[in-house]
Structure formats: structure tokens, C-alpha cells
């Protein structure tokens, strides 16, 4: 199984989240390749069985510009076999809380095998840990069904 987590982080909150999720997969003996967006081999996107996207939200609920190349790659490449998930951090003070997660979710639903999404308020808190565990469990269940 070839699983990647691809992320971007401005303040470190999303980076902390994806590292925690990666550790949860490792606890379940599932190998994960963790990539910052600027190090992800975008031309190899179709070689992965599963990809989790980690993103913050920019401006008025927008996808950060560094993630647009990944967004477009999912739109134009043949990724309908790839199991996907999206995680992100945001601030509910803004009208479009974690809007980038929603934008990726809507696109991935059409172009991939979207399994699950997760939104975290600003930074990972104790009350979010169980939600992260459920995210990983649901993702693994969907991945097993796809293989």
C-alpha cells in the first residue's frame, strides 16, 4: 500500500496535525510517506493508492496558492482509484471555516475515492485526538475496501 500525506502549513498548526495523523497510521503498522507540498512529486500522483491532503485556509476560505497545483493535478489526472482524505486547520471566526478543506472535499468527491475529512479549530487540542483516531480508522476501512 502506497500512502502519502501531502501538506502545507503557515503557522505550524496543520503541520502538527498531519504529524499526529501520520503517527496514528504508524501505530497501526501502516507506512506513510509525509511530504511538504513543495517536495511532493506531483507527476507521480497516480502511483499512490491513497493520499491525505493537509491544508490551512487562506483569506476568505480559499485554498493556499501553494496547494493549487495539487488541486489541479487531481482535477486533470486519472486518480479515480486513489482513496483520499482531507484534514485542515482553521479559525471559526471567519465565515468559511476551513474553506480549503471544503473546496478539496468537493473536488475530490468527483475525481477520487474520497473517504473522510477533518476540520480542526486553530490547533490540535486534547478533545480532537479521538476525532483524529476516527479519521484514521475510517480512512483505513475505506482503503481496505478499495484494495
Protein backbone atom coordinates (compact mmCIF):
# COMPACT_ATOMS: atom_id res chain seq x y z
CA UNK A 1 0.00 0.00 0.00
CA UNK A 2 1.40 3.36 -1.03
CA UNK A 3 0.02 6.12 1.23
CA UNK A 4 1.09 9.76 1.17
CA UNK A 5 0.23 12.74 3.30
CA UNK A 6 0.79 15.98 1.41
CA UNK A 7 0.54 19.20 3.37
CA UNK A 8 1.25 22.87 3.70
CA UNK A 9 1.36 24.86 6.90
CA UNK A 10 1.71 28.57 7.55
CA UNK A 11 1.73 28.72 11.37
CA UNK A 12 2.67 25.12 12.16
CA UNK A 13 -0.86 24.08 13.19
CA UNK A 14 -1.54 21.97 10.11
CA UNK A 15 1.97 20.51 10.27
CA UNK A 16 1.35 19.39 13.86
CA UNK A 17 -1.97 17.83 12.80
CA UNK A 18 -0.53 15.81 9.91
CA UNK A 19 2.38 14.58 12.02
CA UNK A 20 -0.09 13.32 14.63
CA UNK A 21 -2.16 11.59 11.94
CA UNK A 22 0.98 10.04 10.47
CA UNK A 23 1.87 8.66 13.92
CA UNK A 24 -1.61 7.14 14.21
CA UNK A 25 -1.08 5.27 10.92
CA UNK A 26 2.34 4.08 12.09
CA UNK A 27 0.77 2.77 15.31
CA UNK A 28 -1.45 0.63 13.09
CA UNK A 29 1.62 -0.62 11.20
CA UNK A 30 0.76 1.31 8.05
CA UNK A 31 3.68 3.04 6.35
CA UNK A 32 3.10 6.65 5.37
CA UNK A 33 5.16 8.98 3.21
CA UNK A 34 4.92 12.55 4.52
CA UNK A 35 5.56 15.37 2.02
CA UNK A 36 5.50 19.12 2.34
CA UNK A 37 3.76 20.32 -0.80
CA UNK A 38 6.96 21.77 -2.26
CA UNK A 39 8.62 18.33 -2.05
CA UNK A 40 5.75 16.19 -3.35
CA UNK A 41 6.40 14.50 -6.72
CA UNK A 42 3.20 15.78 -8.37
CA UNK A 43 3.95 13.84 -11.57
CA UNK A 44 3.67 10.60 -9.53
CA UNK A 45 0.21 11.33 -8.10
CA UNK A 46 -1.38 8.36 -9.87
CA UNK A 47 1.14 5.91 -8.37
CA UNK A 48 -0.30 6.32 -4.89
CA UNK A 49 -3.08 4.10 -3.56
CA UNK A 50 -4.09 6.78 -1.08
CA UNK A 51 -3.39 10.45 -0.43
CA UNK A 52 -4.34 12.61 2.52
CA UNK A 53 -4.21 16.34 1.98
CA UNK A 54 -3.43 18.65 4.89
CA UNK A 55 -4.09 22.33 4.41
CA UNK A 56 -4.77 25.56 6.17
CA UNK A 57 -7.31 28.03 4.79
CA UNK A 58 -6.25 31.37 3.39
CA UNK A 59 -8.12 34.66 3.07
CA UNK A 60 -11.85 34.24 2.72
CA UNK A 61 -11.96 30.44 2.77
CA UNK A 62 -9.50 29.94 -0.07
CA UNK A 63 -7.03 27.21 -0.88
CA UNK A 64 -3.46 28.40 -0.28
CA UNK A 65 -1.70 29.18 -3.56
CA UNK A 66 0.98 26.52 -2.97
CA UNK A 67 -1.77 23.85 -2.90
CA UNK A 68 -3.41 24.88 -6.19
CA UNK A 69 -1.03 22.73 -8.25
CA UNK A 70 -2.15 19.67 -6.27
CA UNK A 71 -5.81 20.66 -6.61
CA UNK A 72 -5.41 20.97 -10.39
CA UNK A 73 -3.50 17.69 -10.62
CA UNK A 74 -6.43 15.87 -9.03
CA UNK A 75 -8.78 17.55 -11.49
CA UNK A 76 -6.87 16.59 -14.64
CA UNK A 77 -5.12 13.29 -13.87
CA UNK A 78 -6.70 9.85 -13.72
CA UNK A 79 -6.99 9.47 -9.93
CA UNK A 80 -10.37 7.78 -9.63
CA UNK A 81 -8.63 4.77 -8.00
CA UNK A 82 -6.93 6.90 -5.30
CA UNK A 83 -8.53 6.86 -1.84
CA UNK A 84 -8.36 10.39 -0.46
CA UNK A 85 -8.92 12.32 2.72
CA UNK A 86 -8.58 15.96 3.69
CA UNK A 87 -7.59 17.47 7.02
CA UNK A 88 -7.18 21.09 7.88
CA UNK A 89 -6.97 23.75 10.50
CA UNK A 90 -8.87 27.00 10.54
CA UNK A 91 -10.48 29.67 12.65
CA UNK A 92 -14.27 29.57 13.06
CA UNK A 93 -14.21 33.35 13.50
CA UNK A 94 -14.19 33.53 9.69
CA UNK A 95 -17.39 32.88 7.71
CA UNK A 96 -15.88 29.98 5.72
CA UNK A 97 -14.34 27.87 8.47
CA UNK A 98 -11.72 25.60 6.89
CA UNK A 99 -12.94 26.60 3.45
CA UNK A 100 -9.92 24.98 1.79
CA UNK A 101 -10.93 21.63 3.30
CA UNK A 102 -14.42 22.08 1.84
CA UNK A 103 -13.05 23.03 -1.61
CA UNK A 104 -10.77 19.99 -1.72
CA UNK A 105 -13.58 17.78 -0.41
CA UNK A 106 -15.99 18.83 -3.14
CA UNK A 107 -13.44 18.33 -5.91
CA UNK A 108 -12.10 15.02 -4.54
CA UNK A 109 -15.62 13.65 -4.23
CA UNK A 110 -15.89 13.92 -8.01
CA UNK A 111 -12.38 12.85 -9.04
CA UNK A 112 -11.21 10.31 -6.44
CA UNK A 113 -12.47 7.89 -3.81
CA UNK A 114 -12.98 10.42 -1.03
CA UNK A 115 -13.10 8.63 2.32
CA UNK A 116 -13.23 11.24 5.08
CA UNK A 117 -12.48 14.83 6.06
CA UNK A 118 -11.50 16.50 9.32
CA UNK A 119 -11.53 20.14 10.41
CA UNK A 120 -9.65 21.34 13.48
CA UNK A 121 -10.24 24.66 15.22
CA UNK A 122 -6.90 26.55 15.08
CA UNK A 123 -4.62 23.92 16.65
CA UNK A 124 -4.81 20.32 17.81
CA UNK A 125 -6.38 20.06 21.27
CA UNK A 126 -6.96 17.12 23.61
CA UNK A 127 -10.61 16.93 22.57
CA UNK A 128 -9.51 16.50 18.92
CA UNK A 129 -7.38 13.40 19.48
CA UNK A 130 -10.31 10.98 19.33
CA UNK A 131 -11.60 12.71 16.19
CA UNK A 132 -8.18 12.13 14.61
CA UNK A 133 -8.31 8.46 15.58
CA UNK A 134 -11.74 8.12 13.98
CA UNK A 135 -10.45 9.85 10.83
CA UNK A 136 -7.64 7.28 10.57
CA UNK A 137 -9.95 4.33 11.27
CA UNK A 138 -12.47 5.45 8.63
CA UNK A 139 -9.68 6.10 6.15
CA UNK A 140 -8.19 2.63 6.70
CA UNK A 141 -11.61 0.99 6.36
CA UNK A 142 -12.19 2.74 3.02
CA UNK A 143 -8.68 1.90 1.85
CA UNK A 144 -9.18 -1.81 2.63
CA UNK A 145 -12.46 -1.81 0.72
CA UNK A 146 -10.73 -0.26 -2.29
CA UNK A 147 -7.88 -2.77 -2.44
